Amino acid sequence: MARRILNRKDLRADYEAAERRKSEDEEGEEEEEQDEEEEEGELEEEGEESEDEDGDEEAPKKKKKPVKEPKAKTKPRSRAAKVTRMKVVWGVFNNSNQRVAVYEYPKRKEADEHAARLTADKKSTHFVQPVKEPIEEKKEA
């Protein structure tokens, strides 16, 4: 049975209207809370004046606690990974993907020749593949 296609614009309008009502309710509640706090402050001031006049009564004073807003959680900073420089070299590999020899990048021709020699001698395939290795920086002492 075919369903009626929903009109997305109407649904969006309904959602926005509900959000507006919700935000208006929250603003109204905040204003009511502020009004109540102001009234309590006025009552406390009046109570202090009456205590000064009577002097005999010692009632514990109510201290108003400051309202703390919740802090936004800070995301832990991720450490920047140390960037290591890489160089490309040619590796000669056997069928088990074990590296047999390594040649500098400009020496591709020599690596191919070595692979061909090993293939002919050992009767198993050898191939050349580029490999990235970290550059070892010389430390000056």
N, C-alpha and C. Protein backbone atom coordinates (compact mmCIF):
# COMPACT_ATOMS: atom_id res chain seq x y z
N MET A 1 0.84 -1.17 0.00
CA MET A 1 0.00 0.00 0.00
C MET A 1 0.89 1.24 0.00
N ALA A 2 0.59 2.18 -0.85
CA ALA A 2 1.43 3.38 -1.00
C ALA A 2 1.18 4.35 0.15
N ARG A 3 2.28 4.94 0.60
CA ARG A 3 2.17 5.94 1.66
C ARG A 3 2.18 7.33 1.04
N ARG A 4 1.58 8.25 1.76
CA ARG A 4 1.57 9.63 1.31
C ARG A 4 2.96 10.23 1.50
N ILE A 5 3.44 10.97 0.56
CA ILE A 5 4.75 11.59 0.66
C ILE A 5 4.67 12.76 1.65
N LEU A 6 5.61 12.81 2.59
CA LEU A 6 5.60 13.87 3.59
C LEU A 6 6.19 15.15 3.01
N ASN A 7 5.59 16.27 3.37
CA ASN A 7 6.10 17.56 2.92
C ASN A 7 7.16 18.01 3.91
N ARG A 8 8.40 18.03 3.50
CA ARG A 8 9.52 18.35 4.40
C ARG A 8 9.46 19.79 4.90
N LYS A 9 8.97 20.70 4.08
CA LYS A 9 8.87 22.10 4.51
C LYS A 9 7.89 22.26 5.66
N ASP A 10 6.76 21.56 5.59
CA ASP A 10 5.78 21.63 6.68
C ASP A 10 6.35 21.04 7.95
N LEU A 11 7.04 19.90 7.83
CA LEU A 11 7.64 19.29 9.01
C LEU A 11 8.68 20.21 9.64
N ARG A 12 9.47 20.87 8.80
CA ARG A 12 10.50 21.79 9.30
C ARG A 12 9.86 22.97 10.02
N ALA A 13 8.78 23.51 9.47
CA ALA A 13 8.09 24.63 10.09
C ALA A 13 7.54 24.23 11.46
N ASP A 14 6.97 23.03 11.56
CA ASP A 14 6.45 22.55 12.84
C ASP A 14 7.58 22.42 13.86
N TYR A 15 8.72 21.90 13.43
CA TYR A 15 9.86 21.71 14.33
C TYR A 15 10.37 23.06 14.84
N GLU A 16 10.50 24.03 13.94
CA GLU A 16 10.99 25.35 14.34
C GLU A 16 10.01 26.03 15.30
N ALA A 17 8.73 25.86 15.08
CA ALA A 17 7.73 26.45 15.97
C ALA A 17 7.85 25.84 17.37
N ALA A 18 8.06 24.52 17.43
CA ALA A 18 8.21 23.86 18.72
C ALA A 18 9.47 24.35 19.42
N GLU A 19 10.54 24.55 18.68
CA GLU A 19 11.78 25.07 19.26
C GLU A 19 11.58 26.46 19.82
N ARG A 20 10.87 27.31 19.08
CA ARG A 20 10.61 28.67 19.56
C ARG A 20 9.82 28.64 20.86
N ARG A 21 8.80 27.78 20.92
CA ARG A 21 8.01 27.68 22.15
C ARG A 21 8.87 27.21 23.31
N LYS A 22 9.73 26.25 23.04
CA LYS A 22 10.60 25.71 24.07
C LYS A 22 11.56 26.78 24.59
N SER A 23 12.15 27.55 23.69
CA SER A 23 13.10 28.59 24.12
C SER A 23 12.37 29.69 24.88
N GLU A 24 11.13 30.01 24.48
CA GLU A 24 10.36 31.03 25.21
C GLU A 24 10.05 30.54 26.62
N ASP A 25 9.72 29.25 26.78
CA ASP A 25 9.44 28.70 28.10
C ASP A 25 10.68 28.77 28.99
N GLU A 26 11.83 28.45 28.42
CA GLU A 26 13.07 28.49 29.20
C GLU A 26 13.40 29.91 29.64
N GLU A 27 13.19 30.89 28.75
CA GLU A 27 13.45 32.28 29.11
C GLU A 27 12.49 32.73 30.21
N GLY A 28 11.26 32.28 30.14
CA GLY A 28 10.28 32.64 31.17
C GLY A 28 10.67 32.06 32.52
N GLU A 29 11.17 30.81 32.53
CA GLU A 29 11.60 30.18 33.78
C GLU A 29 12.80 30.91 34.37
N GLU A 30 13.74 31.33 33.53
CA GLU A 30 14.91 32.04 34.02
C GLU A 30 14.51 33.37 34.65
N GLU A 31 13.57 34.07 34.02
CA GLU A 31 13.11 35.35 34.56
C GLU A 31 12.42 35.13 35.91
N GLU A 32 11.63 34.05 36.03
CA GLU A 32 10.95 33.75 37.30
C GLU A 32 11.97 33.46 38.39
N GLU A 33 13.01 32.71 38.06
CA GLU A 33 14.05 32.40 39.06
C GLU A 33 14.76 33.66 39.50
N GLN A 34 15.04 34.57 38.58
CA GLN A 34 15.71 35.81 38.94
C GLN A 34 14.81 36.66 39.83
N ASP A 35 13.52 36.69 39.51
CA ASP A 35 12.58 37.44 40.34
C ASP A 35 12.53 36.88 41.76
N GLU A 36 12.51 35.54 41.88
CA GLU A 36 12.47 34.90 43.20
C GLU A 36 13.74 35.23 43.99
N GLU A 37 14.89 35.22 43.34
CA GLU A 37 16.14 35.54 44.03
C GLU A 37 16.15 36.97 44.51
N GLU A 38 15.63 37.89 43.69
CA GLU A 38 15.57 39.29 44.10
C GLU A 38 14.64 39.45 45.31
N GLU A 39 13.51 38.76 45.30
CA GLU A 39 12.58 38.84 46.43
C GLU A 39 13.22 38.29 47.70
N GLU A 40 13.96 37.18 47.59
CA GLU A 40 14.64 36.62 48.76
C GLU A 40 15.67 37.59 49.29
N GLY A 41 16.38 38.25 48.40
CA GLY A 41 17.38 39.24 48.81
C GLY A 41 16.73 40.39 49.56
N GLU A 42 15.55 40.86 49.09
CA GLU A 42 14.83 41.94 49.76
C GLU A 42 14.36 41.49 51.13
N LEU A 43 13.87 40.24 51.22
CA LEU A 43 13.40 39.73 52.51
C LEU A 43 14.56 39.64 53.49
N GLU A 44 15.72 39.22 53.04
CA GLU A 44 16.88 39.11 53.91
C GLU A 44 17.29 40.48 54.42
N GLU A 45 17.25 41.49 53.54
CA GLU A 45 17.62 42.84 53.96
C GLU A 45 16.64 43.35 55.02
N GLU A 46 15.36 43.09 54.83
CA GLU A 46 14.36 43.51 55.81
C GLU A 46 14.57 42.78 57.13
N GLY A 47 14.93 41.49 57.04
CA GLY A 47 15.16 40.69 58.25
C GLY A 47 16.36 41.21 59.01
N GLU A 48 17.38 41.67 58.34
CA GLU A 48 18.56 42.20 59.01
C GLU A 48 18.22 43.48 59.76
N GLU A 49 17.38 44.32 59.17
CA GLU A 49 16.98 45.56 59.84
C GLU A 49 16.20 45.25 61.11
N SER A 50 15.28 44.28 61.05
CA SER A 50 14.48 43.97 62.23
C SER A 50 15.35 43.36 63.32
N GLU A 51 16.39 42.61 62.95
CA GLU A 51 17.28 42.02 63.95
C GLU A 51 18.06 43.11 64.65
N ASP A 52 18.44 44.14 63.91
CA ASP A 52 19.19 45.23 64.53
C ASP A 52 18.33 45.93 65.58
N GLU A 53 17.06 46.07 65.30
CA GLU A 53 16.18 46.73 66.24
C GLU A 53 15.95 45.86 67.48
N ASP A 54 15.69 44.56 67.29
CA ASP A 54 15.41 43.68 68.42
C ASP A 54 16.70 43.39 69.18
N GLY A 55 17.71 42.97 68.52
CA GLY A 55 18.99 42.71 69.14
C GLY A 55 19.03 41.43 69.96
N ASP A 56 17.91 41.00 70.57
CA ASP A 56 17.91 39.81 71.42
C ASP A 56 17.94 38.52 70.60
N GLU A 57 17.30 38.52 69.47
CA GLU A 57 17.21 37.31 68.68
C GLU A 57 18.44 37.15 67.79
N GLU A 58 18.99 35.95 67.85
CA GLU A 58 20.12 35.66 66.97
C GLU A 58 19.73 34.49 66.07
N ALA A 59 19.22 34.80 64.93
CA ALA A 59 18.82 33.78 63.98
C ALA A 59 19.97 33.58 62.99
N PRO A 60 20.17 32.34 62.57
CA PRO A 60 21.26 32.13 61.60
C PRO A 60 20.92 32.83 60.29
N LYS A 61 21.91 33.53 59.76
CA LYS A 61 21.69 34.26 58.52
C LYS A 61 21.83 33.30 57.34
N LYS A 62 20.95 33.47 56.39
CA LYS A 62 21.00 32.66 55.19
C LYS A 62 21.93 33.33 54.19
N LYS A 63 22.95 32.60 53.80
CA LYS A 63 23.88 33.14 52.81
C LYS A 63 23.46 32.66 51.43
N LYS A 64 23.44 33.57 50.53
CA LYS A 64 23.03 33.24 49.18
C LYS A 64 24.24 32.72 48.42
N LYS A 65 24.12 31.51 47.89
CA LYS A 65 25.22 30.91 47.15
C LYS A 65 25.19 31.43 45.71
N PRO A 66 26.33 31.79 45.19
CA PRO A 66 26.34 32.24 43.79
C PRO A 66 26.01 31.08 42.85
N VAL A 67 25.24 31.38 41.83
CA VAL A 67 24.84 30.37 40.87
C VAL A 67 25.98 30.19 39.88
N LYS A 68 26.52 28.99 39.81
CA LYS A 68 27.63 28.72 38.90
C LYS A 68 27.07 28.12 37.62
N GLU A 69 27.55 28.65 36.52
CA GLU A 69 27.15 28.09 35.24
C GLU A 69 28.06 26.92 34.93
N PRO A 70 27.52 25.86 34.40
CA PRO A 70 28.39 24.72 34.08
C PRO A 70 29.39 25.09 32.99
N LYS A 71 30.65 24.73 33.24
CA LYS A 71 31.69 25.04 32.27
C LYS A 71 31.62 24.05 31.12
N ALA A 72 31.93 24.55 29.96
CA ALA A 72 31.98 23.67 28.79
C ALA A 72 33.20 22.78 28.94
N LYS A 73 33.02 21.49 28.72
CA LYS A 73 34.13 20.57 28.87
C LYS A 73 35.16 20.86 27.79
N THR A 74 36.41 21.00 28.22
CA THR A 74 37.48 21.24 27.26
C THR A 74 37.97 19.90 26.74
N LYS A 75 38.22 19.86 25.49
CA LYS A 75 38.72 18.63 24.89
C LYS A 75 40.21 18.53 25.17
N PRO A 76 40.67 17.36 25.52
CA PRO A 76 42.11 17.23 25.74
C PRO A 76 42.86 17.42 24.43
N ARG A 77 43.93 18.16 24.55
CA ARG A 77 44.71 18.43 23.34
C ARG A 77 45.50 17.19 22.97
N SER A 78 45.39 16.83 21.75
CA SER A 78 46.15 15.68 21.31
C SER A 78 47.54 16.18 20.93
N ARG A 79 48.51 15.42 21.32
CA ARG A 79 49.88 15.81 21.01
C ARG A 79 50.11 15.66 19.52
N ALA A 80 50.81 16.62 18.98
CA ALA A 80 51.13 16.54 17.56
C ALA A 80 52.18 15.45 17.38
N ALA A 81 51.88 14.54 16.51
CA ALA A 81 52.80 13.43 16.27
C ALA A 81 54.08 13.97 15.64
N LYS A 82 55.20 13.44 16.09
CA LYS A 82 56.47 13.87 15.55
C LYS A 82 56.56 13.38 14.10
N VAL A 83 56.80 14.31 13.21
CA VAL A 83 56.84 13.99 11.80
C VAL A 83 58.24 13.48 11.47
N THR A 84 58.31 12.24 11.03
CA THR A 84 59.58 11.68 10.64
C THR A 84 59.66 11.72 9.12
N ARG A 85 60.80 12.16 8.63
CA ARG A 85 61.00 12.22 7.19
C ARG A 85 61.27 10.82 6.66
N MET A 86 60.72 10.54 5.50
CA MET A 86 60.85 9.21 4.91
C MET A 86 61.59 9.33 3.58
N LYS A 87 62.29 8.26 3.23
CA LYS A 87 62.93 8.18 1.92
C LYS A 87 62.47 6.89 1.26
N VAL A 88 62.49 6.89 -0.08
CA VAL A 88 62.06 5.72 -0.83
C VAL A 88 63.31 4.98 -1.32
N VAL A 89 63.31 3.68 -1.10
CA VAL A 89 64.39 2.82 -1.60
C VAL A 89 63.75 1.66 -2.34
N TRP A 90 64.55 0.99 -3.17
CA TRP A 90 64.05 -0.19 -3.90
C TRP A 90 64.44 -1.43 -3.12
N GLY A 91 63.47 -2.27 -2.83
CA GLY A 91 63.73 -3.51 -2.12
C GLY A 91 63.54 -4.70 -3.05
N VAL A 92 64.45 -5.66 -2.96
CA VAL A 92 64.32 -6.90 -3.73
C VAL A 92 63.72 -7.93 -2.79
N PHE A 93 62.59 -8.50 -3.18
CA PHE A 93 61.84 -9.42 -2.32
C PHE A 93 61.74 -10.79 -2.97
N ASN A 94 61.62 -11.85 -2.12
CA ASN A 94 61.38 -13.19 -2.65
C ASN A 94 59.88 -13.49 -2.57
N ASN A 95 59.48 -14.70 -2.88
CA ASN A 95 58.06 -15.05 -2.90
C ASN A 95 57.39 -14.94 -1.54
N SER A 96 58.16 -15.06 -0.46
CA SER A 96 57.59 -14.98 0.90
C SER A 96 57.55 -13.55 1.42
N ASN A 97 57.75 -12.59 0.52
CA ASN A 97 57.78 -11.17 0.87
C ASN A 97 58.85 -10.84 1.90
N GLN A 98 59.94 -11.56 1.86
CA GLN A 98 61.10 -11.25 2.70
C GLN A 98 62.06 -10.41 1.88
N ARG A 99 62.51 -9.32 2.49
CA ARG A 99 63.40 -8.43 1.76
C ARG A 99 64.79 -9.06 1.70
N VAL A 100 65.31 -9.24 0.50
CA VAL A 100 66.61 -9.87 0.29
C VAL A 100 67.70 -8.81 0.17
N ALA A 101 67.41 -7.70 -0.53
CA ALA A 101 68.40 -6.65 -0.74
C ALA A 101 67.71 -5.30 -0.82
N VAL A 102 68.51 -4.23 -0.58
CA VAL A 102 67.98 -2.87 -0.63
C VAL A 102 68.91 -2.02 -1.50
N TYR A 103 68.31 -1.21 -2.40
CA TYR A 103 69.07 -0.31 -3.28
C TYR A 103 68.51 1.10 -3.13
N GLU A 104 69.37 2.10 -3.25
CA GLU A 104 68.94 3.49 -3.22
C GLU A 104 67.99 3.76 -4.38
N TYR A 105 67.21 4.81 -4.28
CA TYR A 105 66.17 5.08 -5.28
C TYR A 105 66.72 5.25 -6.70
N PRO A 106 67.81 5.95 -6.91
CA PRO A 106 68.29 6.11 -8.30
C PRO A 106 68.83 4.80 -8.91
N LYS A 107 69.03 3.76 -8.13
CA LYS A 107 69.65 2.51 -8.61
C LYS A 107 68.60 1.43 -8.91
N ARG A 108 67.53 1.79 -9.56
CA ARG A 108 66.45 0.86 -9.88
C ARG A 108 66.95 -0.24 -10.84
N LYS A 109 67.77 0.17 -11.79
CA LYS A 109 68.25 -0.76 -12.79
C LYS A 109 69.04 -1.89 -12.14
N GLU A 110 69.88 -1.55 -11.17
CA GLU A 110 70.68 -2.56 -10.46
C GLU A 110 69.78 -3.50 -9.65
N ALA A 111 68.73 -2.95 -9.04
CA ALA A 111 67.80 -3.78 -8.27
C ALA A 111 67.08 -4.78 -9.17
N ASP A 112 66.66 -4.32 -10.37
CA ASP A 112 66.00 -5.22 -11.32
C ASP A 112 66.94 -6.35 -11.76
N GLU A 113 68.20 -5.97 -12.01
CA GLU A 113 69.18 -6.98 -12.42
C GLU A 113 69.40 -8.02 -11.31
N HIS A 114 69.49 -7.55 -10.07
CA HIS A 114 69.69 -8.46 -8.93
C HIS A 114 68.50 -9.42 -8.81
N ALA A 115 67.29 -8.92 -8.95
CA ALA A 115 66.09 -9.76 -8.88
C ALA A 115 66.09 -10.80 -9.99
N ALA A 116 66.50 -10.40 -11.19
CA ALA A 116 66.53 -11.33 -12.31
C ALA A 116 67.57 -12.42 -12.07
N ARG A 117 68.76 -12.02 -11.52
CA ARG A 117 69.81 -12.99 -11.23
C ARG A 117 69.34 -14.01 -10.19
N LEU A 118 68.70 -13.53 -9.11
CA LEU A 118 68.21 -14.43 -8.06
C LEU A 118 67.13 -15.37 -8.58
N THR A 119 66.25 -14.87 -9.44
CA THR A 119 65.19 -15.69 -10.01
C THR A 119 65.79 -16.81 -10.85
N ALA A 120 66.83 -16.48 -11.61
CA ALA A 120 67.45 -17.48 -12.47
C ALA A 120 68.23 -18.51 -11.64
N ASP A 121 68.96 -18.04 -10.61
CA ASP A 121 69.80 -18.94 -9.80
C ASP A 121 68.98 -19.84 -8.88
N LYS A 122 68.01 -19.28 -8.20
CA LYS A 122 67.30 -20.02 -7.16
C LYS A 122 66.02 -20.67 -7.65
N LYS A 123 65.63 -20.40 -8.87
CA LYS A 123 64.42 -20.97 -9.46
C LYS A 123 63.14 -20.63 -8.68
N SER A 124 63.15 -19.46 -8.04
CA SER A 124 61.93 -18.93 -7.39
C SER A 124 61.85 -17.46 -7.75
N THR A 125 60.65 -16.94 -7.79
CA THR A 125 60.48 -15.56 -8.24
C THR A 125 60.99 -14.57 -7.21
N HIS A 126 61.63 -13.53 -7.71
CA HIS A 126 62.06 -12.37 -6.92
C HIS A 126 61.56 -11.13 -7.65
N PHE A 127 61.17 -10.12 -6.89
CA PHE A 127 60.63 -8.91 -7.51
C PHE A 127 61.15 -7.68 -6.80
N VAL A 128 61.01 -6.54 -7.45
CA VAL A 128 61.47 -5.25 -6.92
C VAL A 128 60.25 -4.43 -6.57
N GLN A 129 60.32 -3.79 -5.41
CA GLN A 129 59.19 -3.00 -4.94
C GLN A 129 59.72 -1.78 -4.19
N PRO A 130 59.07 -0.60 -4.32
CA PRO A 130 59.52 0.57 -3.56
C PRO A 130 59.14 0.42 -2.08
N VAL A 131 60.03 0.87 -1.20
CA VAL A 131 59.81 0.77 0.24
C VAL A 131 60.13 2.12 0.86
N LYS A 132 59.32 2.58 1.79
CA LYS A 132 59.59 3.84 2.49
C LYS A 132 60.28 3.51 3.81
N GLU A 133 61.38 4.21 4.05
CA GLU A 133 62.13 4.02 5.29
C GLU A 133 62.35 5.38 5.93
N PRO A 134 62.40 5.44 7.25
CA PRO A 134 62.69 6.73 7.90
C PRO A 134 64.13 7.15 7.65
N ILE A 135 64.33 8.44 7.48
CA ILE A 135 65.67 8.96 7.28
C ILE A 135 66.35 9.07 8.63
N GLU A 136 67.52 8.50 8.74
CA GLU A 136 68.27 8.57 10.00
C GLU A 136 69.07 9.86 9.99
N GLU A 137 68.69 10.78 10.87
CA GLU A 137 69.37 12.07 10.94
C GLU A 137 70.63 11.93 11.77
N LYS A 138 71.67 12.56 11.29
CA LYS A 138 72.95 12.50 12.00
C LYS A 138 72.90 13.50 13.16
N LYS A 139 73.18 13.01 14.35
CA LYS A 139 73.20 13.86 15.54
C LYS A 139 74.61 14.40 15.74
N GLU A 140 74.71 15.70 15.87
CA GLU A 140 76.02 16.30 16.10
C GLU A 140 76.28 16.37 17.59
N ALA A 141 77.45 15.92 18.02
CA ALA A 141 77.77 15.90 19.43
C ALA A 141 78.65 17.04 19.83
